[in-house]
Amino acid sequence: MNMRRILCLALLWLWAAAAQAAPLAPQPFVPGSMKEVATAHASQPFILAFWSLSCIHCKANLEQFGKLLRQHPNLPLVLVSTDSPEDGAAIMATLEKYGLEKQQTWVFADRFVERLYFEIDRRWRGELPRTYFYDATHQARTVSGKLDEAETARWVQTLPGS
């Protein structure tokens, strides 16, 4: 093989490795995204967690989710930051800190956030953290505020394969 071909293959390999290692960017959460999340988890239980970079209790919940994922790598967890798309790098850095960078991640991308709140839960007014524990029929148990670790662990134990 000539040197040019070897160099091209090496660069291609390095590029592929870097792309695989780089954290994903959050998807924009806009009207209709809630339906997309629910459809992606049709007939399956999952956790939907809303958080923000400026929220102290949110970080405690993220830490708890990171611990749970180490014990249950297939934990169906969807994370939605209520910050803005411009905060994408900080969002991903925070998730990486807790070992959550590979989870499905969204960020609010609609200036009219009340419309998103209403689509998610007609009773939600934006308080954070906000976590929904959906069962297989998509009936949700809602928790506003910091999660109770024992209660969350019990819910995870009900998941198939846990």
Protein backbone atom coordinates (compact mmCIF):
# COMPACT_ATOMS: atom_id res chain seq x y z
CA MET A 1 0.00 0.00 0.00
CA ASN A 2 1.31 3.40 -0.76
CA MET A 3 1.93 5.94 1.99
CA ARG A 4 -0.94 8.22 0.91
CA ARG A 5 -3.50 5.40 1.19
CA ILE A 6 -2.19 4.42 4.65
CA LEU A 7 -2.38 8.03 5.81
CA CYS A 8 -5.97 8.38 4.50
CA LEU A 9 -7.04 5.17 6.25
CA ALA A 10 -5.39 6.28 9.50
CA LEU A 11 -7.13 9.67 9.36
CA LEU A 12 -10.46 8.02 8.59
CA TRP A 13 -10.02 5.66 11.55
CA LEU A 14 -9.11 8.57 13.88
CA TRP A 15 -12.11 10.60 12.68
CA ALA A 16 -14.47 7.63 13.25
CA ALA A 17 -13.05 7.02 16.73
CA ALA A 18 -13.42 10.69 17.67
CA ALA A 19 -16.99 10.84 16.35
CA GLN A 20 -17.89 7.75 18.35
CA ALA A 21 -16.33 9.11 21.55
CA ALA A 22 -17.85 12.59 21.26
CA PRO A 23 -21.00 13.10 23.31
CA LEU A 24 -24.18 13.50 21.34
CA ALA A 25 -25.85 16.88 21.12
CA PRO A 26 -29.28 17.26 22.71
CA GLN A 27 -32.21 16.98 20.32
CA PRO A 28 -34.51 20.02 20.15
CA PHE A 29 -37.64 19.50 22.26
CA VAL A 30 -40.44 21.29 20.43
CA PRO A 31 -44.21 20.83 20.15
CA GLY A 32 -44.72 17.20 19.13
CA SER A 33 -41.56 15.92 20.81
CA MET A 34 -43.49 14.49 23.75
CA LYS A 35 -45.48 12.32 21.35
CA GLU A 36 -42.22 11.23 19.70
CA VAL A 37 -40.76 10.19 23.08
CA ALA A 38 -43.92 8.27 24.00
CA THR A 39 -44.00 6.53 20.62
CA ALA A 40 -40.34 5.52 20.92
CA HIS A 41 -41.20 3.80 24.22
CA ALA A 42 -44.56 2.35 23.17
CA SER A 43 -45.73 -0.37 25.59
CA GLN A 44 -42.54 0.01 27.61
CA PRO A 45 -41.93 1.59 30.99
CA PHE A 46 -39.47 4.50 31.06
CA ILE A 47 -38.35 7.48 33.09
CA LEU A 48 -38.72 10.99 31.71
CA ALA A 49 -36.69 13.54 33.68
CA PHE A 50 -36.75 17.32 33.26
CA TRP A 51 -33.85 19.30 34.65
CA SER A 52 -31.82 22.49 34.27
CA LEU A 53 -28.20 23.56 34.61
CA SER A 54 -29.11 26.08 37.31
CA CYS A 55 -31.13 23.65 39.44
CA ILE A 56 -29.35 22.19 42.51
CA HIS A 57 -31.83 19.37 43.14
CA CYS A 58 -31.69 18.48 39.45
CA LYS A 59 -28.01 17.64 39.83
CA ALA A 60 -28.79 15.38 42.79
CA ASN A 61 -31.30 13.53 40.58
CA LEU A 62 -28.78 13.29 37.73
CA GLU A 63 -26.25 11.81 40.15
CA GLN A 64 -28.85 9.27 41.26
CA PHE A 65 -29.64 8.36 37.63
CA GLY A 66 -25.93 7.88 36.95
CA LYS A 67 -25.65 5.43 39.86
CA LEU A 68 -28.74 3.56 38.68
CA LEU A 69 -27.36 3.29 35.15
CA ARG A 70 -24.15 1.73 36.44
CA GLN A 71 -26.28 -0.95 38.14
CA HIS A 72 -28.88 -1.20 35.34
CA PRO A 73 -27.21 -0.27 32.02
CA ASN A 74 -30.46 -0.73 30.08
CA LEU A 75 -32.44 1.68 32.25
CA PRO A 76 -34.94 3.39 29.91
CA LEU A 77 -34.15 7.01 30.77
CA VAL A 78 -34.98 10.11 28.73
CA LEU A 79 -33.49 13.41 29.87
CA VAL A 80 -34.84 16.83 28.90
CA SER A 81 -33.01 20.01 29.79
CA THR A 82 -35.23 23.05 30.13
CA ASP A 83 -32.31 25.29 29.22
CA SER A 84 -31.80 26.43 25.61
CA PRO A 85 -30.06 24.86 22.61
CA GLU A 86 -27.25 27.42 23.01
CA ASP A 87 -26.38 25.63 26.28
CA GLY A 88 -25.80 22.33 24.46
CA ALA A 89 -22.10 22.05 25.35
CA ALA A 90 -22.73 22.77 29.05
CA ILE A 91 -25.67 20.33 29.07
CA MET A 92 -23.56 17.54 27.61
CA ALA A 93 -20.63 18.33 29.95
CA THR A 94 -22.97 18.08 32.94
CA LEU A 95 -24.43 14.80 31.73
CA GLU A 96 -20.93 13.45 31.11
CA LYS A 97 -19.99 14.33 34.70
CA TYR A 98 -22.73 11.95 35.90
CA GLY A 99 -22.19 9.25 33.26
CA LEU A 100 -25.38 10.15 31.39
CA GLU A 101 -23.93 11.45 28.11
CA LYS A 102 -25.16 8.42 26.13
CA GLN A 103 -28.78 8.72 27.27
CA GLN A 104 -31.46 10.07 24.98
CA THR A 105 -31.20 13.81 25.62
CA TRP A 106 -33.39 16.71 24.60
CA VAL A 107 -33.33 20.46 25.22
CA PHE A 108 -36.24 22.89 25.15
CA ALA A 109 -36.15 24.66 21.78
CA ASP A 110 -39.37 26.67 21.85
CA ARG A 111 -39.44 30.19 23.28
CA PHE A 112 -43.03 29.63 24.40
CA VAL A 113 -42.13 27.11 27.13
CA GLU A 114 -45.65 27.12 28.56
CA ARG A 115 -46.79 25.37 25.39
CA LEU A 116 -44.25 22.61 26.08
CA TYR A 117 -45.28 22.35 29.74
CA PHE A 118 -48.92 21.98 28.70
CA GLU A 119 -48.13 19.31 26.11
CA ILE A 120 -46.10 17.32 28.64
CA ASP A 121 -48.49 17.67 31.57
CA ARG A 122 -51.42 20.08 31.77
CA ARG A 123 -50.78 20.52 35.51
CA TRP A 124 -47.07 21.34 35.18
CA ARG A 125 -46.05 24.97 35.66
CA GLY A 126 -42.31 24.53 35.19
CA GLU A 127 -41.06 23.55 38.64
CA LEU A 128 -37.84 21.53 38.58
CA PRO A 129 -36.73 18.87 38.81
CA ARG A 130 -39.75 17.07 37.41
CA THR A 131 -39.66 13.32 36.86
CA TYR A 132 -42.25 11.00 35.35
CA PHE A 133 -42.13 7.27 35.95
CA TYR A 134 -44.15 5.73 33.12
CA ASP A 135 -45.39 2.15 33.38
CA ALA A 136 -45.90 -0.09 30.34
CA THR A 137 -49.38 1.39 29.76
CA HIS A 138 -47.86 4.90 29.98
CA GLN A 139 -49.63 5.80 33.18
CA ALA A 140 -47.22 8.13 34.95
CA ARG A 141 -46.28 8.70 38.55
CA THR A 142 -45.03 12.28 38.80
CA VAL A 143 -42.42 13.53 41.23
CA SER A 144 -41.57 17.22 41.58
CA GLY A 145 -38.35 17.87 43.45
CA LYS A 146 -35.53 15.68 44.59
CA LEU A 147 -36.11 11.94 44.14
CA ASP A 148 -36.16 9.49 47.03
CA GLU A 149 -33.38 7.01 46.24
CA ALA A 150 -35.06 3.98 47.83
CA GLU A 151 -38.37 4.67 46.09
CA THR A 152 -36.67 5.15 42.73
CA ALA A 153 -34.64 1.94 43.19
CA ARG A 154 -37.86 0.04 43.97
CA TRP A 155 -39.44 1.31 40.75
CA VAL A 156 -36.38 0.28 38.74
CA GLN A 157 -36.60 -3.22 40.28
CA THR A 158 -40.09 -3.59 38.72
CA LEU A 159 -38.65 -3.24 35.21
CA PRO A 160 -38.39 -6.36 33.08
CA GLY A 161 -34.89 -7.80 33.26
CA SER A 162 -33.92 -5.99 36.45
